[in-house]
């Protein structure tokens, strides 16, 4: 019988368990394994305690799930630099493997060679859940530039990461969050990965909706901020002028933030989960202005709270290809004018808007936590 011990790593090869969607998925995987009877440890260089995870994500690690964090970010400890941190994490994991009966390692995005190639990790099942890995970024520099502002000046760092993480084909199982990520991962690995869509939220829709649009920003030039600004100006020139909120605005560059604010966009930081849900519950629309988006958990979050999705039409945008299935479950746009027209038309047609809101909520049920857990265990069942 396989050993029922597992180590689940935070995203980016175990660098952090903190504020992003990748961290939330790692928490869900750890909790799912715990519910199946595994002895689970969550490992990351930099982490947050349960009370802060609850404030940010609205969930925590289940009782019995242990944490292995080198630095507690919430209590003012130093954030370790990635290279030093991963070396130290590898040593800590080796020590854990020497003391615990572990059968499975579940990596977030990337699997550090310093961990996978340790003699103590030999024979263990190695699984990765990939949002968009450093291994892929190092081999698709144009995508890394667009999505993460990783410019050619960072080439030495990219080469370091390329040599630090395993190729996906050396792992037992690779799960990916979307067809977009699958395309990149399969081309690199030469073996098929399995799509297991990340889970979205659920909650109560407000009895009355505000005329507002919510967008969760990501850093990088793939965020079409100029198109969003042009759409805001176009809407203000018409009779329809919604409030447009940009969440996680700290991820955009300072120049980009100034331009967005001048364009009439309301910039908000990374909100606590209760405030995040409250904003989406009142919003008529959830938008995604990303040319490249591996998945887009915020799109599902908004849909689950009755916001009508309007997403940039791109084969590299997982919100478009996977969540909306290329227009079956929401609207797409390719220009500021098209976005503004969609908002104006829906605002003037309450019956259609109500129908699309209900359809969005229905579609969001395909991305529940329960379904995520089912698909995760189905994908790794031969290793349990």
Protein backbone atom coordinates (compact mmCIF):
# COMPACT_ATOMS: atom_id res chain seq x y z
CA UNK A 1 0.00 0.00 0.00
CA UNK A 2 1.40 3.47 -0.93
CA UNK A 3 2.65 5.64 1.88
CA UNK A 4 -0.05 8.18 2.78
CA UNK A 5 2.25 11.10 3.33
CA UNK A 6 2.51 14.10 0.98
CA UNK A 7 4.40 17.36 0.73
CA UNK A 8 2.58 20.10 -1.19
CA UNK A 9 4.71 23.01 -2.36
CA UNK A 10 3.63 26.58 -2.87
CA UNK A 11 3.63 28.06 -6.40
CA UNK A 12 6.75 28.93 -8.39
CA UNK A 13 8.58 25.86 -7.22
CA UNK A 14 7.78 26.45 -3.56
CA UNK A 15 8.92 30.07 -3.38
CA UNK A 16 5.81 31.49 -1.71
CA UNK A 17 2.51 30.60 -0.14
CA UNK A 18 0.93 34.01 0.10
CA UNK A 19 -1.51 36.23 -1.77
CA UNK A 20 -1.93 34.91 -5.31
CA UNK A 21 -4.30 32.43 -6.89
CA UNK A 22 -1.52 29.85 -7.18
CA UNK A 23 -1.19 29.86 -3.41
CA UNK A 24 -4.93 29.29 -3.03
CA UNK A 25 -4.74 26.25 -5.33
CA UNK A 26 -1.85 24.82 -3.28
CA UNK A 27 -4.00 25.21 -0.14
CA UNK A 28 -6.89 23.41 -1.85
CA UNK A 29 -4.63 20.53 -2.92
CA UNK A 30 -3.19 20.16 0.58
CA UNK A 31 -6.66 20.15 2.12
CA UNK A 32 -7.98 17.66 -0.44
CA UNK A 33 -5.15 15.25 0.35
CA UNK A 34 -5.77 15.68 4.06
CA UNK A 35 -9.44 14.81 3.61
CA UNK A 36 -8.34 11.62 1.86
CA UNK A 37 -6.31 10.60 4.90
CA UNK A 38 -2.87 11.79 3.86
CA UNK A 39 -0.42 13.22 6.37
CA UNK A 40 0.23 16.55 4.65
CA UNK A 41 2.94 19.18 4.98
CA UNK A 42 2.77 22.42 2.98
CA UNK A 43 6.24 23.72 2.11
CA UNK A 44 7.34 27.16 0.89
CA UNK A 45 10.25 29.50 1.36
CA UNK A 46 7.98 32.39 2.35
CA UNK A 47 4.55 31.77 3.85
CA UNK A 48 1.59 33.20 5.71
CA UNK A 49 -0.10 31.90 8.86
CA UNK A 50 -3.65 30.59 8.81
CA UNK A 51 -5.24 33.77 10.12
CA UNK A 52 -3.79 35.79 7.23
CA UNK A 53 -4.67 33.09 4.69
CA UNK A 54 -8.26 33.33 5.94
CA UNK A 55 -8.32 37.12 5.54
CA UNK A 56 -6.89 37.00 2.02
CA UNK A 57 -8.39 33.80 0.60
CA UNK A 58 -11.37 33.02 2.81
CA UNK A 59 -9.95 29.59 3.58
CA UNK A 60 -7.17 28.05 5.66
CA UNK A 61 -5.12 24.90 5.90
CA UNK A 62 -7.20 22.20 7.57
CA UNK A 63 -6.38 20.99 11.08
CA UNK A 64 -3.63 18.44 10.86
CA UNK A 65 -1.96 20.01 7.81
CA UNK A 66 1.53 21.04 8.89
CA UNK A 67 3.46 23.94 7.41
CA UNK A 68 7.14 24.24 6.61
CA UNK A 69 7.88 27.92 5.98
CA UNK A 70 11.36 29.40 6.25
CA UNK A 71 9.93 32.90 6.69
CA UNK A 72 6.59 34.07 8.12
CA UNK A 73 5.76 37.11 5.98
CA UNK A 74 2.85 38.24 8.13
CA UNK A 75 4.98 38.70 11.22
CA UNK A 76 7.66 40.79 9.61
CA UNK A 77 10.25 38.17 8.88
CA UNK A 78 12.55 38.71 5.92
CA UNK A 79 11.46 37.46 2.50
CA UNK A 80 14.25 35.20 1.31
CA UNK A 81 15.63 35.81 -2.19
CA UNK A 82 14.57 33.01 -4.55
CA UNK A 83 17.91 31.30 -5.16
CA UNK A 84 19.01 31.22 -1.53
CA UNK A 85 15.50 30.38 -0.37
CA UNK A 86 15.09 27.35 -2.64
CA UNK A 87 18.48 25.96 -1.60
CA UNK A 88 17.47 26.28 2.03
CA UNK A 89 14.04 24.78 1.33
CA UNK A 90 15.67 21.77 -0.35
CA UNK A 91 17.73 21.11 2.78
CA UNK A 92 14.65 21.45 5.00
CA UNK A 93 12.68 19.04 2.79
CA UNK A 94 15.54 16.54 2.88
CA UNK A 95 15.44 16.68 6.66
CA UNK A 96 11.67 16.12 6.59
CA UNK A 97 11.98 13.18 4.20
CA UNK A 98 14.48 11.61 6.53
CA UNK A 99 11.99 11.71 9.39
CA UNK A 100 8.58 11.21 7.74
CA UNK A 101 6.94 8.50 5.65
CA UNK A 102 6.22 10.45 2.46
CA UNK A 103 4.94 8.95 -0.78
CA UNK A 104 4.01 11.97 -2.91
CA UNK A 105 5.49 15.39 -3.73
CA UNK A 106 3.07 17.87 -5.30
CA UNK A 107 4.81 20.89 -6.81
CA UNK A 108 3.31 24.27 -7.66
CA UNK A 109 4.33 25.19 -11.23
CA UNK A 110 7.92 23.97 -11.08
CA UNK A 111 9.81 21.10 -9.45
CA UNK A 112 13.26 22.19 -8.20
CA UNK A 113 15.99 19.72 -9.14
CA UNK A 114 17.54 20.22 -5.71
CA UNK A 115 14.47 18.46 -4.30
CA UNK A 116 13.50 15.96 -7.00
CA UNK A 117 17.04 14.63 -7.44
CA UNK A 118 17.78 14.20 -3.78
CA UNK A 119 18.49 10.53 -2.94
CA UNK A 120 15.73 10.79 -0.31
CA UNK A 121 13.19 11.67 -3.04
CA UNK A 122 14.02 8.63 -5.15
CA UNK A 123 10.97 6.46 -5.74
CA UNK A 124 8.48 9.11 -4.58
CA UNK A 125 5.57 10.08 -6.82
CA UNK A 126 6.23 13.54 -8.26
CA UNK A 127 3.26 15.59 -9.46
CA UNK A 128 3.14 19.20 -10.65
CA UNK A 129 0.13 21.50 -10.89
CA UNK A 130 1.15 24.14 -13.42
CA UNK A 131 -0.26 27.65 -13.82
CA UNK A 132 2.62 28.83 -16.03
CA UNK A 133 6.02 27.56 -15.04
CA UNK A 134 9.43 29.19 -14.91
CA UNK A 135 10.59 26.24 -16.99
CA UNK A 136 8.18 27.37 -19.74
CA UNK A 137 8.99 31.05 -19.29
CA UNK A 138 12.70 30.38 -19.84
CA UNK A 139 11.89 28.69 -23.16
CA UNK A 140 9.25 31.16 -24.34
CA UNK A 141 10.95 34.50 -23.57
CA UNK A 142 8.45 36.49 -25.63
CA UNK A 143 5.57 35.18 -23.50
CA UNK A 144 7.57 35.85 -20.32
CA UNK A 145 8.16 39.40 -21.52
CA UNK A 146 4.49 39.99 -22.27
CA UNK A 147 3.06 38.32 -19.20
CA UNK A 148 5.56 38.96 -16.45
CA UNK A 149 7.77 41.89 -17.57
CA UNK A 150 10.72 39.47 -17.68
CA UNK A 151 12.79 41.34 -20.25
CA UNK A 152 16.05 40.28 -21.93
CA UNK A 153 17.93 42.12 -19.16
CA UNK A 154 16.81 39.27 -16.92
CA UNK A 155 18.36 36.64 -19.22
CA UNK A 156 20.91 35.43 -16.62
CA UNK A 157 18.08 34.83 -14.15
CA UNK A 158 16.02 33.07 -16.80
CA UNK A 159 18.95 30.79 -17.62
CA UNK A 160 19.35 30.06 -13.92
CA UNK A 161 15.71 29.04 -13.61
CA UNK A 162 15.95 26.99 -16.80
CA UNK A 163 18.66 24.91 -15.19
CA UNK A 164 17.10 24.80 -11.73
CA UNK A 165 13.76 23.16 -12.51
CA UNK A 166 12.90 19.77 -13.93
CA UNK A 167 11.53 19.29 -17.42
CA UNK A 168 7.88 18.20 -17.07
CA UNK A 169 8.60 14.88 -18.80
CA UNK A 170 10.73 13.81 -15.81
CA UNK A 171 7.74 13.98 -13.45
CA UNK A 172 5.17 11.24 -12.95
CA UNK A 173 2.17 13.45 -13.63
CA UNK A 174 1.71 17.01 -14.86
CA UNK A 175 -1.62 18.77 -14.30
CA UNK A 176 -2.31 22.15 -15.90
CA UNK A 177 -4.90 24.81 -15.23
CA UNK A 178 -6.09 25.38 -18.83
CA UNK A 179 -5.79 24.49 -22.49
CA UNK A 180 -3.53 27.53 -22.88
CA UNK A 181 -1.04 26.19 -20.33
CA UNK A 182 -1.40 22.69 -21.77
CA UNK A 183 -0.32 23.89 -25.21
CA UNK A 184 2.95 25.31 -23.88
CA UNK A 185 3.62 22.48 -21.44
CA UNK A 186 2.98 19.65 -23.90
CA UNK A 187 5.19 21.26 -26.53
CA UNK A 188 8.04 21.36 -24.02
CA UNK A 189 7.53 17.98 -22.40
CA UNK A 190 6.64 15.86 -25.38
CA UNK A 191 4.11 14.02 -23.22
CA UNK A 192 0.47 15.02 -22.61
CA UNK A 193 -0.50 16.94 -19.50
CA UNK A 194 -3.97 16.77 -17.94
CA UNK A 195 -6.21 19.83 -17.67
CA UNK A 196 -7.66 20.28 -14.19
CA UNK A 197 -9.26 23.70 -14.07
CA UNK A 198 -8.56 25.78 -10.98
CA UNK A 199 -11.58 26.27 -8.70
CA UNK A 200 -13.43 29.55 -8.39
CA UNK A 201 -15.42 31.07 -5.56
CA UNK A 202 -19.08 31.01 -4.74
CA UNK A 203 -21.29 33.31 -2.74
CA UNK A 204 -24.49 35.34 -2.64
CA UNK A 205 -25.42 37.80 -5.35
CA UNK A 206 -26.48 41.26 -4.17
CA UNK A 207 -30.18 42.03 -4.59
CA UNK A 208 -29.25 45.12 -6.59
CA UNK A 209 -26.29 45.44 -8.93
CA UNK A 210 -24.19 48.56 -9.30
CA UNK A 211 -23.34 49.76 -12.80
CA UNK A 212 -19.72 48.72 -12.43
CA UNK A 213 -16.98 46.64 -14.05
CA UNK A 214 -14.35 44.78 -12.03
CA UNK A 215 -11.01 43.65 -13.43
CA UNK A 216 -8.32 41.83 -11.46
CA UNK A 217 -5.00 43.12 -12.80
CA UNK A 218 -1.80 41.24 -13.33
CA UNK A 219 1.60 42.73 -13.96
CA UNK A 220 3.13 42.57 -17.42
CA UNK A 221 2.63 44.00 -20.85
CA UNK A 222 0.00 41.36 -21.64
CA UNK A 223 -2.38 43.46 -19.51
CA UNK A 224 -3.95 45.70 -22.16
CA UNK A 225 -4.11 48.80 -20.00
CA UNK A 226 -4.24 51.17 -22.97
CA UNK A 227 -7.28 49.32 -24.31
CA UNK A 228 -8.94 49.52 -20.88
CA UNK A 229 -8.24 53.26 -20.69
CA UNK A 230 -9.59 53.76 -24.22
CA UNK A 231 -12.72 51.75 -23.31
CA UNK A 232 -13.25 53.89 -20.20
CA UNK A 233 -12.97 57.09 -22.25
CA UNK A 234 -15.29 55.66 -24.92
CA UNK A 235 -17.92 54.78 -22.31
CA UNK A 236 -17.70 58.24 -20.74
CA UNK A 237 -18.30 59.79 -24.17
CA UNK A 238 -21.54 57.81 -24.44
CA UNK A 239 -24.59 57.73 -22.20
CA UNK A 240 -23.23 54.67 -20.33
CA UNK A 241 -20.41 55.41 -17.90
CA UNK A 242 -19.89 52.62 -15.33
CA UNK A 243 -17.46 52.67 -12.46
CA UNK A 244 -14.44 50.58 -13.45
CA UNK A 245 -12.42 48.98 -10.65
CA UNK A 246 -8.97 47.52 -11.10
CA UNK A 247 -8.06 45.05 -8.35
CA UNK A 248 -4.49 44.19 -7.35
CA UNK A 249 -3.42 47.41 -9.00
CA UNK A 250 -0.10 47.25 -7.17
CA UNK A 251 0.91 44.58 -9.71
CA UNK A 252 0.88 47.12 -12.53
CA UNK A 253 3.88 49.38 -13.05
CA UNK A 254 3.85 52.88 -11.55
CA UNK A 255 3.60 54.57 -14.94
CA UNK A 256 0.80 52.21 -15.91
CA UNK A 257 -1.05 52.96 -12.66
CA UNK A 258 -0.84 56.72 -13.23
CA UNK A 259 -2.19 56.35 -16.76
CA UNK A 260 -5.04 54.14 -15.55
CA UNK A 261 -6.00 56.61 -12.83
CA UNK A 262 -6.01 59.47 -15.36
CA UNK A 263 -8.25 57.30 -17.55
CA UNK A 264 -10.91 57.18 -14.86
CA UNK A 265 -10.09 53.71 -13.52
CA UNK A 266 -10.48 53.23 -9.76
CA UNK A 267 -7.33 51.48 -8.51
CA UNK A 268 -7.70 49.09 -5.57
CA UNK A 269 -5.09 47.00 -3.76
CA UNK A 270 -5.27 43.26 -3.13
CA UNK A 271 -8.50 43.20 -1.11
CA UNK A 272 -9.39 40.94 1.77
CA UNK A 273 -11.67 38.13 0.63
CA UNK A 274 -14.79 39.61 2.26
CA UNK A 275 -14.28 42.95 0.48
CA UNK A 276 -13.39 41.18 -2.79
CA UNK A 277 -16.63 39.17 -2.72
CA UNK A 278 -18.66 42.22 -1.76
CA UNK A 279 -17.32 44.18 -4.75
CA UNK A 280 -18.03 41.36 -7.21
CA UNK A 281 -21.47 40.68 -5.72
CA UNK A 282 -22.47 44.27 -6.53
CA UNK A 283 -20.78 44.42 -9.97
CA UNK A 284 -22.72 44.00 -13.20
CA UNK A 285 -19.63 42.92 -15.15
CA UNK A 286 -16.32 41.13 -14.71
CA UNK A 287 -13.72 41.97 -17.35
CA UNK A 288 -10.41 40.51 -18.43
CA UNK A 289 -8.15 42.72 -20.54
CA UNK A 290 -5.32 40.21 -20.87
CA UNK A 291 -3.75 39.20 -24.16
CA UNK A 292 -2.12 36.28 -22.33
CA UNK A 293 -3.88 34.76 -19.33
CA UNK A 294 -3.20 31.14 -18.33
CA UNK A 295 -6.66 30.83 -16.73
CA UNK A 296 -8.19 33.72 -14.78
CA UNK A 297 -9.63 32.60 -11.44
CA UNK A 298 -11.08 36.09 -10.89
CA UNK A 299 -13.26 35.62 -13.97
CA UNK A 300 -14.87 32.57 -12.36
CA UNK A 301 -15.14 34.40 -9.02
CA UNK A 302 -17.05 37.24 -10.65
CA UNK A 303 -19.32 34.89 -12.61
CA UNK A 304 -20.16 32.94 -9.45
CA UNK A 305 -21.43 36.19 -7.96
CA UNK A 306 -23.57 37.04 -10.97
CA UNK A 307 -21.23 39.37 -12.88
CA UNK A 308 -21.53 39.05 -16.66
CA UNK A 309 -18.10 38.18 -18.13
CA UNK A 310 -16.57 40.25 -20.94
CA UNK A 311 -13.15 38.92 -21.91
CA UNK A 312 -10.47 39.82 -24.41
CA UNK A 313 -10.83 37.47 -27.38
CA UNK A 314 -7.49 35.67 -27.58
CA UNK A 315 -6.43 32.06 -28.01
CA UNK A 316 -3.82 32.81 -25.33
CA UNK A 317 -6.42 33.92 -22.79
CA UNK A 318 -7.69 30.99 -20.71
CA UNK A 319 -10.70 33.00 -19.57
CA UNK A 320 -11.77 33.10 -23.21
CA UNK A 321 -10.76 29.58 -24.32
CA UNK A 322 -11.62 27.56 -21.18
CA UNK A 323 -14.04 29.51 -19.01
CA UNK A 324 -16.19 31.13 -21.71
CA UNK A 325 -15.41 28.37 -24.24
CA UNK A 326 -14.76 30.96 -26.95
CA UNK A 327 -18.02 32.81 -26.44
CA UNK A 328 -20.46 30.07 -25.42
CA UNK A 329 -20.74 31.40 -21.85
CA UNK A 330 -20.04 35.11 -22.14
CA UNK A 331 -18.92 37.94 -24.37
CA UNK A 332 -15.61 38.63 -26.06
CA UNK A 333 -14.09 41.80 -27.45
CA UNK A 334 -11.04 42.77 -29.46
CA UNK A 335 -11.16 46.56 -29.22
CA UNK A 336 -12.10 49.33 -26.82
CA UNK A 337 -15.08 50.22 -28.99
CA UNK A 338 -16.38 46.65 -29.00
CA UNK A 339 -16.04 46.44 -25.21
CA UNK A 340 -17.85 49.78 -24.74
CA UNK A 341 -20.67 48.71 -27.06
CA UNK A 342 -21.15 45.44 -25.17
CA UNK A 343 -21.40 47.28 -21.84
CA UNK A 344 -23.77 49.90 -23.27
CA UNK A 345 -26.03 47.30 -24.90
CA UNK A 346 -26.32 45.15 -21.79
CA UNK A 347 -26.86 48.13 -19.52
CA UNK A 348 -29.81 49.22 -21.66
CA UNK A 349 -31.29 45.70 -21.75
CA UNK A 350 -31.95 44.57 -18.15
CA UNK A 351 -33.77 41.39 -19.22
CA UNK A 352 -30.84 40.16 -21.30
CA UNK A 353 -28.39 41.19 -18.59
CA UNK A 354 -30.34 39.22 -15.96
CA UNK A 355 -30.39 36.19 -18.24
CA UNK A 356 -26.64 36.38 -18.85
CA UNK A 357 -25.98 36.87 -15.15
CA UNK A 358 -27.87 33.68 -14.34
CA UNK A 359 -26.01 31.84 -17.13
CA UNK A 360 -22.69 33.05 -15.73
CA UNK A 361 -23.54 31.68 -12.30
CA UNK A 362 -24.57 28.37 -13.88
CA UNK A 363 -21.30 28.14 -15.80
CA UNK A 364 -19.28 28.89 -12.65
CA UNK A 365 -20.61 25.65 -11.15
CA UNK A 366 -18.29 23.81 -13.54
CA UNK A 367 -15.37 25.22 -11.53
CA UNK A 368 -16.35 24.35 -7.97
CA UNK A 369 -13.87 23.18 -5.37
CA UNK A 370 -15.65 19.82 -5.22
CA UNK A 371 -15.17 19.27 -8.95
CA UNK A 372 -11.53 20.35 -8.72
CA UNK A 373 -10.90 17.77 -6.00
CA UNK A 374 -12.64 15.04 -8.01
CA UNK A 375 -10.61 15.79 -11.13
CA UNK A 376 -7.37 16.07 -9.19
CA UNK A 377 -7.78 12.63 -7.62
CA UNK A 378 -8.96 11.10 -10.87
CA UNK A 379 -5.77 12.35 -12.53
CA UNK A 380 -3.44 10.95 -9.83
CA UNK A 381 -5.46 7.88 -8.80
CA UNK A 382 -2.83 5.40 -10.02
CA UNK A 383 -0.35 6.92 -7.56
CA UNK A 384 -2.54 6.98 -4.44
